[in-house]
Amino acid sequence: MKITKIESQKNKERVNIYIDDSFAFGLSSEISYKYDLKEDMTVSQEWVENVLKSEELNKGKNYALNLLSYRWKTEKEIIDRMSEKGYEKEIIENTVLYLKDQNLINDRRFAEIYFEEKSKLNGLGIKRIRYELSMKGISKEILEEVVNEESDEEFERALELANKKISSYKNDSKEKIYRKLGGYLQRKGYSYDCIRNVLNKILF
């Protein structure tokens, strides 16, 4: 088997490879350079399979990097998206290892940033944030660590939210305010104990 022709595609970052005068496959220029492909180069079937495997690994890596260009993602989110795209398990595993090695995915750091943004910018409680993070694949161990770091501030955040919201209930009775304000904090994801303590401080 011999490479008889290498031609550029319309996409200048890709090339077409011809073996024994027949089109064989397309490659990224990156992989072409990596294997130093040249016309009249003699190749084996095993060599071709290795090149194509490298091409798939490269595609998987670039797909994941493109996903991460929009926002940080968890390991599970990357795995799920690549699975939906049809990548094989081995390609996904190798891509995840590469991303971890480059510190491009870090579930602990993701959880810390997510907690900070959702609690301080959106006023959400630990219960809701914890649920959202678990759906994104964050492990129980990481959740416990991050929750323990954030729990001391939850009461103050809930109290601040309640003080801002209570003005919209100024014409209601204390019982209605208790019910409405409690429901509001519950929807924000605060725990029962936290809500009770906040309401008792404000209303009684």
C-alpha atoms as a PDB file:
ATOM      1  CA  MET A   1       0.000   0.000   0.000  1.00  0.00           C
ATOM      2  CA  LYS A   2       1.310   3.408  -0.965  1.00  0.00           C
ATOM      3  CA  ILE A   3       0.126   6.986  -0.502  1.00  0.00           C
ATOM      4  CA  THR A   4      -0.227   8.198  -4.063  1.00  0.00           C
ATOM      5  CA  LYS A   5      -1.796  11.617  -3.513  1.00  0.00           C
ATOM      6  CA  ILE A   6      -2.354  14.175  -0.755  1.00  0.00           C
ATOM      7  CA  GLU A   7      -4.653  17.055  -1.639  1.00  0.00           C
ATOM      8  CA  SER A   8      -6.043  19.968   0.345  1.00  0.00           C
ATOM      9  CA  GLN A   9      -9.775  20.140   0.952  1.00  0.00           C
ATOM     10  CA  LYS A  10     -11.810  23.343   0.643  1.00  0.00           C
ATOM     11  CA  ASN A  11     -11.298  23.542   4.383  1.00  0.00           C
ATOM     12  CA  LYS A  12      -7.575  24.309   4.354  1.00  0.00           C
ATOM     13  CA  GLU A  13      -7.148  22.613   7.723  1.00  0.00           C
ATOM     14  CA  ARG A  14      -7.978  19.211   6.210  1.00  0.00           C
ATOM     15  CA  VAL A  15      -6.496  17.000   3.499  1.00  0.00           C
ATOM     16  CA  ASN A  16      -7.639  14.020   1.426  1.00  0.00           C
ATOM     17  CA  ILE A  17      -5.418  10.948   1.404  1.00  0.00           C
ATOM     18  CA  TYR A  18      -5.293   8.655  -1.628  1.00  0.00           C
ATOM     19  CA  ILE A  19      -3.833   5.157  -1.328  1.00  0.00           C
ATOM     20  CA  ASP A  20      -3.002   3.169  -4.466  1.00  0.00           C
ATOM     21  CA  ASP A  21      -4.703   5.854  -6.585  1.00  0.00           C
ATOM     22  CA  SER A  22      -8.037   5.604  -4.721  1.00  0.00           C
ATOM     23  CA  PHE A  23      -9.452   8.002  -2.136  1.00  0.00           C
ATOM     24  CA  ALA A  24      -8.874   6.459   1.287  1.00  0.00           C
ATOM     25  CA  PHE A  25      -9.860   9.008   3.948  1.00  0.00           C
ATOM     26  CA  GLY A  26      -9.782  12.626   5.040  1.00  0.00           C
ATOM     27  CA  LEU A  27      -7.520  13.899   7.787  1.00  0.00           C
ATOM     28  CA  SER A  28      -6.891  17.057   9.730  1.00  0.00           C
ATOM     29  CA  SER A  29      -3.675  18.777   8.719  1.00  0.00           C
ATOM     30  CA  GLU A  30      -2.585  18.426  12.343  1.00  0.00           C
ATOM     31  CA  ILE A  31      -2.614  14.620  12.143  1.00  0.00           C
ATOM     32  CA  SER A  32      -1.084  14.699   8.677  1.00  0.00           C
ATOM     33  CA  TYR A  33       1.864  16.681  10.048  1.00  0.00           C
ATOM     34  CA  LYS A  34       2.084  14.480  13.132  1.00  0.00           C
ATOM     35  CA  TYR A  35       2.620  11.376  10.993  1.00  0.00           C
ATOM     36  CA  ASP A  36       4.702  13.273   8.425  1.00  0.00           C
ATOM     37  CA  LEU A  37       2.610  11.987   5.524  1.00  0.00           C
ATOM     38  CA  LYS A  38       4.196  12.184   2.099  1.00  0.00           C
ATOM     39  CA  GLU A  39       3.300  10.986  -1.366  1.00  0.00           C
ATOM     40  CA  ASP A  40       4.961   7.682  -2.375  1.00  0.00           C
ATOM     41  CA  MET A  41       5.090   6.714   1.309  1.00  0.00           C
ATOM     42  CA  THR A  42       4.572   2.970   1.862  1.00  0.00           C
ATOM     43  CA  VAL A  43       2.051   2.175   4.598  1.00  0.00           C
ATOM     44  CA  SER A  44       0.451  -0.871   6.218  1.00  0.00           C
ATOM     45  CA  GLN A  45      -3.151  -1.524   7.221  1.00  0.00           C
ATOM     46  CA  GLU A  46      -2.113  -1.335  10.876  1.00  0.00           C
ATOM     47  CA  TRP A  47      -0.524   2.067  10.222  1.00  0.00           C
ATOM     48  CA  VAL A  48      -3.721   3.309   8.567  1.00  0.00           C
ATOM     49  CA  GLU A  49      -5.778   2.158  11.561  1.00  0.00           C
ATOM     50  CA  ASN A  50      -3.455   3.988  13.953  1.00  0.00           C
ATOM     51  CA  VAL A  51      -3.701   7.185  11.908  1.00  0.00           C
ATOM     52  CA  LEU A  52      -7.499   6.990  11.825  1.00  0.00           C
ATOM     53  CA  LYS A  53      -7.605   6.361  15.574  1.00  0.00           C
ATOM     54  CA  SER A  54      -5.444   9.446  16.121  1.00  0.00           C
ATOM     55  CA  GLU A  55      -7.808  11.392  13.890  1.00  0.00           C
ATOM     56  CA  GLU A  56     -10.812  10.349  15.980  1.00  0.00           C
ATOM     57  CA  LEU A  57      -8.993  11.231  19.193  1.00  0.00           C
ATOM     58  CA  ASN A  58      -8.157  14.624  17.737  1.00  0.00           C
ATOM     59  CA  LYS A  59     -11.769  15.189  16.673  1.00  0.00           C
ATOM     60  CA  GLY A  60     -12.978  14.253  20.138  1.00  0.00           C
ATOM     61  CA  LYS A  61     -10.512  16.605  21.796  1.00  0.00           C
ATOM     62  CA  ASN A  62     -11.453  19.490  19.509  1.00  0.00           C
ATOM     63  CA  TYR A  63     -15.173  18.852  20.014  1.00  0.00           C
ATOM     64  CA  ALA A  64     -14.723  18.947  23.795  1.00  0.00           C
ATOM     65  CA  LEU A  65     -12.599  22.096  23.607  1.00  0.00           C
ATOM     66  CA  ASN A  66     -15.320  23.746  21.547  1.00  0.00           C
ATOM     67  CA  LEU A  67     -17.896  22.846  24.214  1.00  0.00           C
ATOM     68  CA  LEU A  68     -15.672  24.361  26.877  1.00  0.00           C
ATOM     69  CA  SER A  69     -15.261  27.569  24.883  1.00  0.00           C
ATOM     70  CA  TYR A  70     -18.845  28.496  25.843  1.00  0.00           C
ATOM     71  CA  ARG A  71     -18.614  27.743  29.566  1.00  0.00           C
ATOM     72  CA  TRP A  72     -16.995  25.414  32.075  1.00  0.00           C
ATOM     73  CA  LYS A  73     -18.512  21.950  32.176  1.00  0.00           C
ATOM     74  CA  THR A  74     -18.402  18.973  34.494  1.00  0.00           C
ATOM     75  CA  GLU A  75     -16.870  15.644  33.549  1.00  0.00           C
ATOM     76  CA  LYS A  76     -20.367  14.148  33.227  1.00  0.00           C
ATOM     77  CA  GLU A  77     -21.527  16.933  30.926  1.00  0.00           C
ATOM     78  CA  ILE A  78     -18.569  16.324  28.596  1.00  0.00           C
ATOM     79  CA  ILE A  79     -19.160  12.559  28.618  1.00  0.00           C
ATOM     80  CA  ASP A  80     -22.888  12.971  27.956  1.00  0.00           C
ATOM     81  CA  ARG A  81     -22.407  15.409  25.087  1.00  0.00           C
ATOM     82  CA  MET A  82     -19.731  13.270  23.426  1.00  0.00           C
ATOM     83  CA  SER A  83     -21.882  10.154  23.826  1.00  0.00           C
ATOM     84  CA  GLU A  84     -24.813  11.944  22.199  1.00  0.00           C
ATOM     85  CA  LYS A  85     -22.491  12.904  19.350  1.00  0.00           C
ATOM     86  CA  GLY A  86     -21.635   9.248  18.789  1.00  0.00           C
ATOM     87  CA  TYR A  87     -18.043   9.099  20.016  1.00  0.00           C
ATOM     88  CA  GLU A  88     -16.821   5.687  21.166  1.00  0.00           C
ATOM     89  CA  LYS A  89     -16.138   5.019  24.841  1.00  0.00           C
ATOM     90  CA  GLU A  90     -12.354   4.848  24.341  1.00  0.00           C
ATOM     91  CA  ILE A  91     -12.300   8.226  22.563  1.00  0.00           C
ATOM     92  CA  ILE A  92     -14.387   9.792  25.337  1.00  0.00           C
ATOM     93  CA  GLU A  93     -12.189   8.358  28.091  1.00  0.00           C
ATOM     94  CA  ASN A  94      -8.998   9.574  26.414  1.00  0.00           C
ATOM     95  CA  THR A  95     -10.510  13.016  25.846  1.00  0.00           C
ATOM     96  CA  VAL A  96     -11.553  13.303  29.499  1.00  0.00           C
ATOM     97  CA  LEU A  97      -8.054  12.291  30.622  1.00  0.00           C
ATOM     98  CA  TYR A  98      -6.561  14.965  28.361  1.00  0.00           C
ATOM     99  CA  LEU A  99      -8.933  17.643  29.693  1.00  0.00           C
ATOM    100  CA  LYS A 100      -8.166  16.690  33.294  1.00  0.00           C
ATOM    101  CA  ASP A 101      -4.439  16.698  32.633  1.00  0.00           C
ATOM    102  CA  GLN A 102      -4.728  20.216  31.202  1.00  0.00           C
ATOM    103  CA  ASN A 103      -6.971  21.247  34.137  1.00  0.00           C
ATOM    104  CA  LEU A 104      -9.698  22.151  31.646  1.00  0.00           C
ATOM    105  CA  ILE A 105     -12.272  20.184  33.627  1.00  0.00           C
ATOM    106  CA  ASN A 106     -12.204  20.124  37.411  1.00  0.00           C
ATOM    107  CA  ASP A 107     -15.423  19.123  39.145  1.00  0.00           C
ATOM    108  CA  ARG A 108     -14.336  20.516  42.520  1.00  0.00           C
ATOM    109  CA  ARG A 109     -13.535  23.923  41.055  1.00  0.00           C
ATOM    110  CA  PHE A 110     -16.733  23.841  38.973  1.00  0.00           C
ATOM    111  CA  ALA A 111     -18.804  23.201  42.107  1.00  0.00           C
ATOM    112  CA  GLU A 112     -17.124  26.044  44.005  1.00  0.00           C
ATOM    113  CA  ILE A 113     -17.715  28.554  41.201  1.00  0.00           C
ATOM    114  CA  TYR A 114     -21.283  27.345  40.629  1.00  0.00           C
ATOM    115  CA  PHE A 115     -22.103  27.655  44.330  1.00  0.00           C
ATOM    116  CA  GLU A 116     -20.697  31.154  44.493  1.00  0.00           C
ATOM    117  CA  GLU A 117     -22.536  32.372  41.397  1.00  0.00           C
ATOM    118  CA  LYS A 118     -25.886  30.779  42.200  1.00  0.00           C
ATOM    119  CA  SER A 119     -25.885  31.768  45.860  1.00  0.00           C
ATOM    120  CA  LYS A 120     -24.558  35.312  45.605  1.00  0.00           C
ATOM    121  CA  LEU A 121     -25.865  36.384  42.197  1.00  0.00           C
ATOM    122  CA  ASN A 122     -29.118  34.406  42.066  1.00  0.00           C
ATOM    123  CA  GLY A 123     -29.837  34.102  45.776  1.00  0.00           C
ATOM    124  CA  LEU A 124     -30.392  30.346  45.643  1.00  0.00           C
ATOM    125  CA  GLY A 125     -30.216  28.134  48.699  1.00  0.00           C
ATOM    126  CA  ILE A 126     -27.912  25.200  49.286  1.00  0.00           C
ATOM    127  CA  LYS A 127     -30.650  22.599  48.812  1.00  0.00           C
ATOM    128  CA  ARG A 128     -31.443  23.742  45.281  1.00  0.00           C
ATOM    129  CA  ILE A 129     -27.827  24.331  44.252  1.00  0.00           C
ATOM    130  CA  ARG A 130     -26.877  20.912  45.574  1.00  0.00           C
ATOM    131  CA  TYR A 131     -29.634  19.307  43.492  1.00  0.00           C
ATOM    132  CA  GLU A 132     -28.563  21.170  40.341  1.00  0.00           C
ATOM    133  CA  LEU A 133     -24.931  20.156  40.825  1.00  0.00           C
ATOM    134  CA  SER A 134     -25.854  16.519  41.421  1.00  0.00           C
ATOM    135  CA  MET A 135     -27.729  16.554  38.101  1.00  0.00           C
ATOM    136  CA  LYS A 136     -24.520  17.785  36.472  1.00  0.00           C
ATOM    137  CA  GLY A 137     -22.661  14.772  37.843  1.00  0.00           C
ATOM    138  CA  ILE A 138     -20.843  16.294  40.807  1.00  0.00           C
ATOM    139  CA  SER A 139     -19.985  13.532  43.293  1.00  0.00           C
ATOM    140  CA  LYS A 140     -21.447  13.358  46.800  1.00  0.00           C
ATOM    141  CA  GLU A 141     -17.960  13.750  48.265  1.00  0.00           C
ATOM    142  CA  ILE A 142     -17.344  17.031  46.451  1.00  0.00           C
ATOM    143  CA  LEU A 143     -20.843  18.269  47.293  1.00  0.00           C
ATOM    144  CA  GLU A 144     -20.300  17.596  50.995  1.00  0.00           C
ATOM    145  CA  GLU A 145     -16.987  19.459  50.986  1.00  0.00           C
ATOM    146  CA  VAL A 146     -18.354  22.495  49.161  1.00  0.00           C
ATOM    147  CA  VAL A 147     -21.608  22.575  51.143  1.00  0.00           C
ATOM    148  CA  ASN A 148     -19.701  22.575  54.434  1.00  0.00           C
ATOM    149  CA  GLU A 149     -17.721  25.586  53.253  1.00  0.00           C
ATOM    150  CA  GLU A 150     -20.838  27.502  52.185  1.00  0.00           C
ATOM    151  CA  SER A 151     -23.397  26.544  54.846  1.00  0.00           C
ATOM    152  CA  ASP A 152     -22.358  29.191  57.394  1.00  0.00           C
ATOM    153  CA  GLU A 153     -23.462  31.984  55.068  1.00  0.00           C
ATOM    154  CA  GLU A 154     -26.831  30.530  54.049  1.00  0.00           C
ATOM    155  CA  PHE A 155     -28.854  32.056  56.878  1.00  0.00           C
ATOM    156  CA  GLU A 156     -27.513  35.543  56.145  1.00  0.00           C
ATOM    157  CA  ARG A 157     -28.301  35.206  52.427  1.00  0.00           C
ATOM    158  CA  ALA A 158     -31.824  33.988  53.145  1.00  0.00           C
ATOM    159  CA  LEU A 159     -32.366  36.783  55.665  1.00  0.00           C
ATOM    160  CA  GLU A 160     -31.225  39.382  53.150  1.00  0.00           C
ATOM    161  CA  LEU A 161     -33.583  37.997  50.496  1.00  0.00           C
ATOM    162  CA  ALA A 162     -36.488  37.905  52.929  1.00  0.00           C
ATOM    163  CA  ASN A 163     -35.944  41.504  54.038  1.00  0.00           C
ATOM    164  CA  LYS A 164     -36.019  42.636  50.416  1.00  0.00           C
ATOM    165  CA  LYS A 165     -39.080  40.571  49.528  1.00  0.00           C
ATOM    166  CA  ILE A 166     -41.215  41.363  52.570  1.00  0.00           C
ATOM    167  CA  SER A 167     -42.004  44.886  51.359  1.00  0.00           C
ATOM    168  CA  SER A 168     -44.142  43.402  48.574  1.00  0.00           C
ATOM    169  CA  TYR A 169     -46.377  41.818  51.238  1.00  0.00           C
ATOM    170  CA  LYS A 170     -46.946  44.981  53.289  1.00  0.00           C
ATOM    171  CA  ASN A 171     -50.752  44.790  52.990  1.00  0.00           C
ATOM    172  CA  ASP A 172     -50.957  41.140  54.043  1.00  0.00           C
ATOM    173  CA  SER A 173     -51.514  39.703  57.499  1.00  0.00           C
ATOM    174  CA  LYS A 174     -48.624  38.181  59.402  1.00  0.00           C
ATOM    175  CA  GLU A 175     -49.981  34.684  58.673  1.00  0.00           C
ATOM    176  CA  LYS A 176     -50.084  35.360  54.921  1.00  0.00           C
ATOM    177  CA  ILE A 177     -46.622  36.901  54.974  1.00  0.00           C
ATOM    178  CA  TYR A 178     -45.310  33.837  56.807  1.00  0.00           C
ATOM    179  CA  ARG A 179     -46.835  31.545  54.173  1.00  0.00           C
ATOM    180  CA  LYS A 180     -45.835  33.620  51.128  1.00  0.00           C
ATOM    181  CA  LEU A 181     -42.343  34.413  52.315  1.00  0.00           C
ATOM    182  CA  GLY A 182     -41.792  30.808  53.326  1.00  0.00           C
ATOM    183  CA  GLY A 183     -42.899  29.633  49.887  1.00  0.00           C
ATOM    184  CA  TYR A 184     -40.622  32.148  48.206  1.00  0.00           C
ATOM    185  CA  LEU A 185     -37.573  30.977  50.157  1.00  0.00           C
ATOM    186  CA  GLN A 186     -38.511  27.353  49.590  1.00  0.00           C
ATOM    187  CA  ARG A 187     -38.602  27.890  45.814  1.00  0.00           C
ATOM    188  CA  LYS A 188     -35.183  29.490  46.070  1.00  0.00           C
ATOM    189  CA  GLY A 189     -33.922  26.238  47.549  1.00  0.00           C
ATOM    190  CA  TYR A 190     -33.460  27.039  51.233  1.00  0.00           C
ATOM    191  CA  SER A 191     -33.874  24.325  53.846  1.00  0.00           C
ATOM    192  CA  TYR A 192     -36.857  24.104  56.182  1.00  0.00           C
ATOM    193  CA  ASP A 193     -34.747  24.924  59.243  1.00  0.00           C
ATOM    194  CA  CYS A 194     -33.167  27.932  57.563  1.00  0.00           C
ATOM    195  CA  ILE A 195     -36.561  29.264  56.432  1.00  0.00           C
ATOM    196  CA  ARG A 196     -38.079  28.798  59.887  1.00  0.00           C
ATOM    197  CA  ASN A 197     -35.206  30.643  61.544  1.00  0.00           C
ATOM    198  CA  VAL A 198     -35.438  33.524  59.064  1.00  0.00           C
ATOM    199  CA  LEU A 199     -39.211  33.878  59.442  1.00  0.00           C
ATOM    200  CA  ASN A 200     -39.000  33.761  63.224  1.00  0.00           C
ATOM    201  CA  LYS A 201     -36.368  36.489  63.216  1.00  0.00           C
ATOM    202  CA  ILE A 202     -38.337  38.769  60.886  1.00  0.00           C
ATOM    203  CA  LEU A 203     -41.911  38.212  62.045  1.00  0.00           C
ATOM    204  CA  PHE A 204     -41.749  37.331  65.735  1.00  0.00           C
END
